[in-house]
Each structure stands twice: as C-alpha cells, then as structure tokens.
Amino acid sequence: MSETYELFRQGREHMAAGMNAQATVALEKAKRREPDKTSILEALGIAYFRIRRFAEAEQEFREILELRPVDHYAHFALGRCLEKQGRPEEAVSHYKMATFFRPQSKDYRQALEAVEAA
C-alpha cells in the first residue's frame, strides 16, 4: 500500500469518526503527494466543509472541476460552498450543472429549487 493511499485512508477514517479537522491533516499531506487525485480533493473538500472552512472547500471542488468538468457531485458541493458564503447567485449555476449531469438526484433538484426560491 502506498503512503499516499495510507494518508487518504487515514483521512477517511477520521471523517467517518467525525474528526474532520484531524482528517484535513492527513488529506492535505496526501494532496501534496498527488495533487490531481480527485478522490483526495473531494475528501478534503468535504472535510473542510464540515468544519465550516467554506473558502477552502470551494477551492478543492473548483480544482476537481478543472480536472473533471462533468463531475456532478463537485458541482453540487461547490454550489453548497458558495451558498454558505452568501453567494447564492453563483451557486445556482453549479446546482443547475449538477442537476443536468444527474437529473435523478432529489438532493440536487431540491438545492436548486431552494436557492431559486430565495
């Protein structure tokens, strides 16, 4: 098992245990080793989001979208980050993209409807 994977696994275990701040330490180290690995970026973005570091989470999801522009979850998560930062007009476009790429998702559709109604 590679050191990078071990750091990723450790980060995910911390997240599963609700220790999101601790997870960021391992995941940041993993990201330095493999900066284009979207699974690491996603986990790090989620951990940042959970500890209310929305700007950092936003950056991680933007990096994913640079690598994979059709990633429905990254669009949704980026929308959530933007909304939490008081930027709902920017969130709408990402919620629309998430819904476009995964129309069967109730969560994506509900997020879009809620921000459009506000």
N, C-alpha and C. Protein backbone atom coordinates (compact mmCIF):
# COMPACT_ATOMS: atom_id res chain seq x y z
N MET A 1 0.84 -1.17 0.00
CA MET A 1 0.00 0.00 0.00
C MET A 1 0.90 1.24 0.00
N SER A 2 0.58 2.21 -0.86
CA SER A 2 1.40 3.41 -0.96
C SER A 2 1.16 4.33 0.23
N GLU A 3 2.13 5.19 0.51
CA GLU A 3 1.98 6.16 1.60
C GLU A 3 0.82 7.10 1.33
N THR A 4 0.66 7.49 0.07
CA THR A 4 -0.43 8.39 -0.28
C THR A 4 -1.78 7.75 0.01
N TYR A 5 -1.94 6.51 -0.37
CA TYR A 5 -3.20 5.82 -0.11
C TYR A 5 -3.42 5.67 1.39
N GLU A 6 -2.37 5.39 2.11
CA GLU A 6 -2.49 5.26 3.57
C GLU A 6 -2.95 6.58 4.20
N LEU A 7 -2.42 7.69 3.73
CA LEU A 7 -2.85 9.00 4.23
C LEU A 7 -4.32 9.26 3.87
N PHE A 8 -4.70 8.91 2.65
CA PHE A 8 -6.09 9.05 2.21
C PHE A 8 -7.01 8.21 3.09
N ARG A 9 -6.65 6.98 3.31
CA ARG A 9 -7.44 6.07 4.14
C ARG A 9 -7.55 6.60 5.57
N GLN A 10 -6.46 7.08 6.09
CA GLN A 10 -6.45 7.65 7.44
C GLN A 10 -7.40 8.86 7.52
N GLY A 11 -7.34 9.72 6.51
CA GLY A 11 -8.23 10.87 6.47
C GLY A 11 -9.69 10.45 6.44
N ARG A 12 -10.00 9.46 5.62
CA ARG A 12 -11.39 8.98 5.52
C ARG A 12 -11.85 8.36 6.85
N GLU A 13 -10.95 7.66 7.52
CA GLU A 13 -11.31 7.08 8.82
C GLU A 13 -11.61 8.18 9.84
N HIS A 14 -10.79 9.23 9.84
CA HIS A 14 -11.05 10.36 10.74
C HIS A 14 -12.41 10.98 10.42
N MET A 15 -12.71 11.14 9.14
CA MET A 15 -14.00 11.71 8.75
C MET A 15 -15.16 10.83 9.24
N ALA A 16 -15.02 9.54 9.06
CA ALA A 16 -16.07 8.61 9.48
C ALA A 16 -16.30 8.68 10.98
N ALA A 17 -15.25 9.01 11.72
CA ALA A 17 -15.35 9.11 13.17
C ALA A 17 -15.77 10.51 13.62
N GLY A 18 -16.02 11.39 12.64
CA GLY A 18 -16.43 12.75 12.97
C GLY A 18 -15.29 13.68 13.33
N MET A 19 -14.08 13.25 13.07
CA MET A 19 -12.89 14.06 13.39
C MET A 19 -12.39 14.73 12.10
N ASN A 20 -13.18 15.66 11.61
CA ASN A 20 -12.91 16.27 10.31
C ASN A 20 -11.67 17.17 10.32
N ALA A 21 -11.42 17.87 11.40
CA ALA A 21 -10.22 18.71 11.46
C ALA A 21 -8.96 17.84 11.38
N GLN A 22 -8.96 16.72 12.08
CA GLN A 22 -7.83 15.80 12.01
C GLN A 22 -7.69 15.19 10.62
N ALA A 23 -8.82 14.97 9.98
CA ALA A 23 -8.81 14.40 8.62
C ALA A 23 -8.08 15.32 7.66
N THR A 24 -8.24 16.63 7.84
CA THR A 24 -7.60 17.56 6.90
C THR A 24 -6.09 17.43 6.92
N VAL A 25 -5.52 17.10 8.07
CA VAL A 25 -4.06 16.98 8.16
C VAL A 25 -3.56 15.87 7.24
N ALA A 26 -4.15 14.70 7.37
CA ALA A 26 -3.73 13.57 6.53
C ALA A 26 -4.05 13.83 5.06
N LEU A 27 -5.22 14.39 4.80
CA LEU A 27 -5.63 14.61 3.41
C LEU A 27 -4.79 15.71 2.74
N GLU A 28 -4.39 16.73 3.48
CA GLU A 28 -3.50 17.75 2.92
C GLU A 28 -2.15 17.15 2.53
N LYS A 29 -1.65 16.24 3.37
CA LYS A 29 -0.39 15.55 3.05
C LYS A 29 -0.55 14.70 1.80
N ALA A 30 -1.67 14.00 1.71
CA ALA A 30 -1.93 13.16 0.53
C ALA A 30 -2.03 14.03 -0.72
N LYS A 31 -2.67 15.17 -0.60
CA LYS A 31 -2.82 16.08 -1.74
C LYS A 31 -1.46 16.60 -2.22
N ARG A 32 -0.57 16.89 -1.28
CA ARG A 32 0.77 17.35 -1.69
C ARG A 32 1.50 16.28 -2.51
N ARG A 33 1.24 15.02 -2.22
CA ARG A 33 1.87 13.92 -2.95
C ARG A 33 1.22 13.69 -4.31
N GLU A 34 -0.11 13.83 -4.36
CA GLU A 34 -0.86 13.58 -5.60
C GLU A 34 -1.92 14.67 -5.77
N PRO A 35 -1.52 15.84 -6.24
CA PRO A 35 -2.42 16.99 -6.30
C PRO A 35 -3.56 16.87 -7.32
N ASP A 36 -3.47 15.93 -8.24
CA ASP A 36 -4.51 15.78 -9.26
C ASP A 36 -5.43 14.58 -9.00
N LYS A 37 -5.34 14.02 -7.83
CA LYS A 37 -6.17 12.86 -7.49
C LYS A 37 -7.51 13.36 -6.97
N THR A 38 -8.56 13.22 -7.77
CA THR A 38 -9.85 13.81 -7.42
C THR A 38 -10.48 13.19 -6.16
N SER A 39 -10.19 11.95 -5.88
CA SER A 39 -10.75 11.35 -4.66
C SER A 39 -10.19 12.04 -3.42
N ILE A 40 -8.93 12.42 -3.47
CA ILE A 40 -8.31 13.13 -2.35
C ILE A 40 -8.89 14.54 -2.25
N LEU A 41 -9.01 15.22 -3.40
CA LEU A 41 -9.57 16.58 -3.41
C LEU A 41 -11.00 16.58 -2.87
N GLU A 42 -11.78 15.60 -3.26
CA GLU A 42 -13.17 15.52 -2.80
C GLU A 42 -13.23 15.31 -1.29
N ALA A 43 -12.47 14.36 -0.80
CA ALA A 43 -12.48 14.10 0.65
C ALA A 43 -12.03 15.33 1.42
N LEU A 44 -11.00 16.00 0.93
CA LEU A 44 -10.50 17.20 1.59
C LEU A 44 -11.56 18.31 1.55
N GLY A 45 -12.22 18.47 0.42
CA GLY A 45 -13.29 19.46 0.32
C GLY A 45 -14.42 19.19 1.29
N ILE A 46 -14.80 17.93 1.41
CA ILE A 46 -15.86 17.56 2.35
C ILE A 46 -15.44 17.84 3.78
N ALA A 47 -14.21 17.47 4.12
CA ALA A 47 -13.71 17.72 5.48
C ALA A 47 -13.69 19.22 5.79
N TYR A 48 -13.19 20.03 4.85
CA TYR A 48 -13.21 21.48 5.05
C TYR A 48 -14.63 21.98 5.23
N PHE A 49 -15.55 21.50 4.41
CA PHE A 49 -16.94 21.94 4.51
C PHE A 49 -17.51 21.63 5.89
N ARG A 50 -17.24 20.45 6.37
CA ARG A 50 -17.78 20.03 7.66
C ARG A 50 -17.26 20.85 8.82
N ILE A 51 -16.06 21.43 8.67
CA ILE A 51 -15.53 22.28 9.74
C ILE A 51 -15.72 23.76 9.41
N ARG A 52 -16.61 24.01 8.46
CA ARG A 52 -17.04 25.35 8.11
C ARG A 52 -15.93 26.22 7.51
N ARG A 53 -14.97 25.60 6.89
CA ARG A 53 -13.92 26.32 6.15
C ARG A 53 -14.35 26.32 4.68
N PHE A 54 -15.40 27.11 4.42
CA PHE A 54 -16.07 27.06 3.12
C PHE A 54 -15.21 27.55 1.97
N ALA A 55 -14.36 28.54 2.19
CA ALA A 55 -13.50 29.03 1.11
C ALA A 55 -12.50 27.95 0.68
N GLU A 56 -11.94 27.23 1.65
CA GLU A 56 -11.01 26.15 1.32
C GLU A 56 -11.73 25.01 0.62
N ALA A 57 -12.94 24.70 1.09
CA ALA A 57 -13.73 23.65 0.44
C ALA A 57 -14.04 24.06 -1.00
N GLU A 58 -14.41 25.31 -1.18
CA GLU A 58 -14.68 25.82 -2.53
C GLU A 58 -13.50 25.58 -3.45
N GLN A 59 -12.31 25.87 -2.97
CA GLN A 59 -11.11 25.70 -3.80
C GLN A 59 -10.91 24.24 -4.20
N GLU A 60 -11.14 23.33 -3.29
CA GLU A 60 -10.96 21.90 -3.60
C GLU A 60 -11.94 21.46 -4.69
N PHE A 61 -13.20 21.89 -4.58
CA PHE A 61 -14.19 21.49 -5.58
C PHE A 61 -13.94 22.17 -6.92
N ARG A 62 -13.42 23.39 -6.90
CA ARG A 62 -13.04 24.04 -8.16
C ARG A 62 -11.89 23.28 -8.83
N GLU A 63 -10.95 22.79 -8.04
CA GLU A 63 -9.84 22.01 -8.61
C GLU A 63 -10.35 20.72 -9.25
N ILE A 64 -11.32 20.09 -8.63
CA ILE A 64 -11.90 18.88 -9.22
C ILE A 64 -12.52 19.22 -10.56
N LEU A 65 -13.26 20.34 -10.61
CA LEU A 65 -13.94 20.70 -11.86
C LEU A 65 -12.96 21.11 -12.96
N GLU A 66 -11.79 21.57 -12.60
CA GLU A 66 -10.76 21.84 -13.61
C GLU A 66 -10.30 20.52 -14.24
N LEU A 67 -10.24 19.48 -13.43
CA LEU A 67 -9.81 18.16 -13.91
C LEU A 67 -10.95 17.37 -14.55
N ARG A 68 -12.15 17.52 -14.00
CA ARG A 68 -13.32 16.76 -14.46
C ARG A 68 -14.54 17.68 -14.49
N PRO A 69 -14.70 18.46 -15.54
CA PRO A 69 -15.79 19.45 -15.61
C PRO A 69 -17.19 18.88 -15.52
N VAL A 70 -17.36 17.59 -15.75
CA VAL A 70 -18.70 16.99 -15.71
C VAL A 70 -18.97 16.26 -14.39
N ASP A 71 -18.17 16.49 -13.39
CA ASP A 71 -18.35 15.84 -12.09
C ASP A 71 -19.56 16.44 -11.39
N HIS A 72 -20.67 15.71 -11.38
CA HIS A 72 -21.92 16.23 -10.83
C HIS A 72 -21.80 16.55 -9.34
N TYR A 73 -21.12 15.70 -8.59
CA TYR A 73 -21.02 15.95 -7.15
C TYR A 73 -20.18 17.19 -6.87
N ALA A 74 -19.11 17.41 -7.61
CA ALA A 74 -18.28 18.60 -7.41
C ALA A 74 -19.07 19.87 -7.69
N HIS A 75 -19.93 19.84 -8.72
CA HIS A 75 -20.78 21.00 -8.99
C HIS A 75 -21.73 21.24 -7.81
N PHE A 76 -22.35 20.18 -7.33
CA PHE A 76 -23.27 20.31 -6.20
C PHE A 76 -22.55 20.85 -4.96
N ALA A 77 -21.42 20.25 -4.64
CA ALA A 77 -20.68 20.65 -3.44
C ALA A 77 -20.18 22.09 -3.56
N LEU A 78 -19.73 22.46 -4.75
CA LEU A 78 -19.30 23.84 -4.97
C LEU A 78 -20.47 24.79 -4.77
N GLY A 79 -21.63 24.42 -5.26
CA GLY A 79 -22.83 25.22 -5.04
C GLY A 79 -23.12 25.40 -3.56
N ARG A 80 -22.98 24.33 -2.80
CA ARG A 80 -23.21 24.42 -1.34
C ARG A 80 -22.20 25.37 -0.70
N CYS A 81 -20.94 25.28 -1.11
CA CYS A 81 -19.90 26.17 -0.56
C CYS A 81 -20.22 27.63 -0.86
N LEU A 82 -20.60 27.89 -2.09
CA LEU A 82 -20.92 29.25 -2.49
C LEU A 82 -22.14 29.78 -1.73
N GLU A 83 -23.12 28.94 -1.58
CA GLU A 83 -24.32 29.34 -0.84
C GLU A 83 -23.98 29.66 0.61
N LYS A 84 -23.15 28.85 1.24
CA LYS A 84 -22.75 29.07 2.63
C LYS A 84 -21.95 30.36 2.79
N GLN A 85 -21.31 30.80 1.72
CA GLN A 85 -20.53 32.03 1.75
C GLN A 85 -21.36 33.25 1.33
N GLY A 86 -22.67 33.06 1.20
CA GLY A 86 -23.55 34.17 0.85
C GLY A 86 -23.51 34.55 -0.61
N ARG A 87 -23.26 33.57 -1.49
CA ARG A 87 -23.18 33.81 -2.92
C ARG A 87 -24.16 32.91 -3.67
N PRO A 88 -25.46 33.02 -3.34
CA PRO A 88 -26.44 32.11 -3.94
C PRO A 88 -26.56 32.24 -5.45
N GLU A 89 -26.35 33.46 -5.99
CA GLU A 89 -26.45 33.63 -7.44
C GLU A 89 -25.38 32.83 -8.17
N GLU A 90 -24.21 32.66 -7.57
CA GLU A 90 -23.17 31.82 -8.16
C GLU A 90 -23.49 30.34 -7.96
N ALA A 91 -24.13 30.02 -6.85
CA ALA A 91 -24.46 28.63 -6.54
C ALA A 91 -25.45 28.06 -7.55
N VAL A 92 -26.38 28.90 -8.03
CA VAL A 92 -27.42 28.43 -8.95
C VAL A 92 -26.83 27.72 -10.16
N SER A 93 -25.82 28.31 -10.78
CA SER A 93 -25.27 27.70 -12.00
C SER A 93 -24.67 26.32 -11.71
N HIS A 94 -24.06 26.17 -10.55
CA HIS A 94 -23.47 24.86 -10.22
C HIS A 94 -24.55 23.84 -9.85
N TYR A 95 -25.60 24.29 -9.17
CA TYR A 95 -26.72 23.39 -8.91
C TYR A 95 -27.38 22.95 -10.22
N LYS A 96 -27.49 23.88 -11.17
CA LYS A 96 -28.07 23.53 -12.47
C LYS A 96 -27.20 22.49 -13.19
N MET A 97 -25.89 22.68 -13.12
CA MET A 97 -24.99 21.71 -13.77
C MET A 97 -25.10 20.34 -13.09
N ALA A 98 -25.13 20.33 -11.77
CA ALA A 98 -25.25 19.06 -11.05
C ALA A 98 -26.54 18.35 -11.45
N THR A 99 -27.63 19.11 -11.51
CA THR A 99 -28.93 18.54 -11.88
C THR A 99 -28.93 18.06 -13.33
N PHE A 100 -28.26 18.81 -14.20
CA PHE A 100 -28.16 18.41 -15.61
C PHE A 100 -27.43 17.08 -15.74
N PHE A 101 -26.30 16.95 -15.04
CA PHE A 101 -25.49 15.74 -15.17
C PHE A 101 -26.08 14.56 -14.40
N ARG A 102 -26.92 14.84 -13.40
CA ARG A 102 -27.55 13.76 -12.64
C ARG A 102 -28.99 14.14 -12.32
N PRO A 103 -29.86 14.09 -13.32
CA PRO A 103 -31.24 14.55 -13.15
C PRO A 103 -32.06 13.74 -12.15
N GLN A 104 -31.65 12.53 -11.86
CA GLN A 104 -32.40 11.70 -10.92
C GLN A 104 -32.16 12.07 -9.46
N SER A 105 -31.23 12.97 -9.19
CA SER A 105 -30.90 13.32 -7.80
C SER A 105 -31.92 14.29 -7.21
N LYS A 106 -32.63 13.84 -6.19
CA LYS A 106 -33.57 14.71 -5.49
C LYS A 106 -32.81 15.81 -4.73
N ASP A 107 -31.67 15.47 -4.15
CA ASP A 107 -30.90 16.45 -3.39
C ASP A 107 -30.47 17.62 -4.26
N TYR A 108 -30.01 17.33 -5.45
CA TYR A 108 -29.56 18.38 -6.35
C TYR A 108 -30.74 19.27 -6.76
N ARG A 109 -31.84 18.64 -7.10
CA ARG A 109 -33.02 19.38 -7.53
C ARG A 109 -33.57 20.24 -6.39
N GLN A 110 -33.61 19.70 -5.18
CA GLN A 110 -34.11 20.45 -4.03
C GLN A 110 -33.22 21.64 -3.71
N ALA A 111 -31.91 21.47 -3.81
CA ALA A 111 -30.98 22.57 -3.56
C ALA A 111 -31.20 23.68 -4.57
N LEU A 112 -31.36 23.31 -5.83
CA LEU A 112 -31.60 24.29 -6.89
C LEU A 112 -32.91 25.03 -6.65
N GLU A 113 -33.96 24.29 -6.36
CA GLU A 113 -35.27 24.90 -6.13
C GLU A 113 -35.24 25.85 -4.93
N ALA A 114 -34.55 25.45 -3.87
CA ALA A 114 -34.50 26.27 -2.65
C ALA A 114 -33.77 27.58 -2.90
N VAL A 115 -32.65 27.52 -3.61
CA VAL A 115 -31.87 28.76 -3.84
C VAL A 115 -32.56 29.65 -4.84
N GLU A 116 -33.26 29.07 -5.81
CA GLU A 116 -34.01 29.88 -6.78
C GLU A 116 -35.22 30.55 -6.13
N ALA A 117 -35.82 29.89 -5.15
CA ALA A 117 -37.00 30.43 -4.46
C ALA A 117 -36.63 31.56 -3.49
N ALA A 118 -35.41 31.57 -3.06
CA ALA A 118 -34.98 32.58 -2.05
C ALA A 118 -34.80 33.96 -2.62
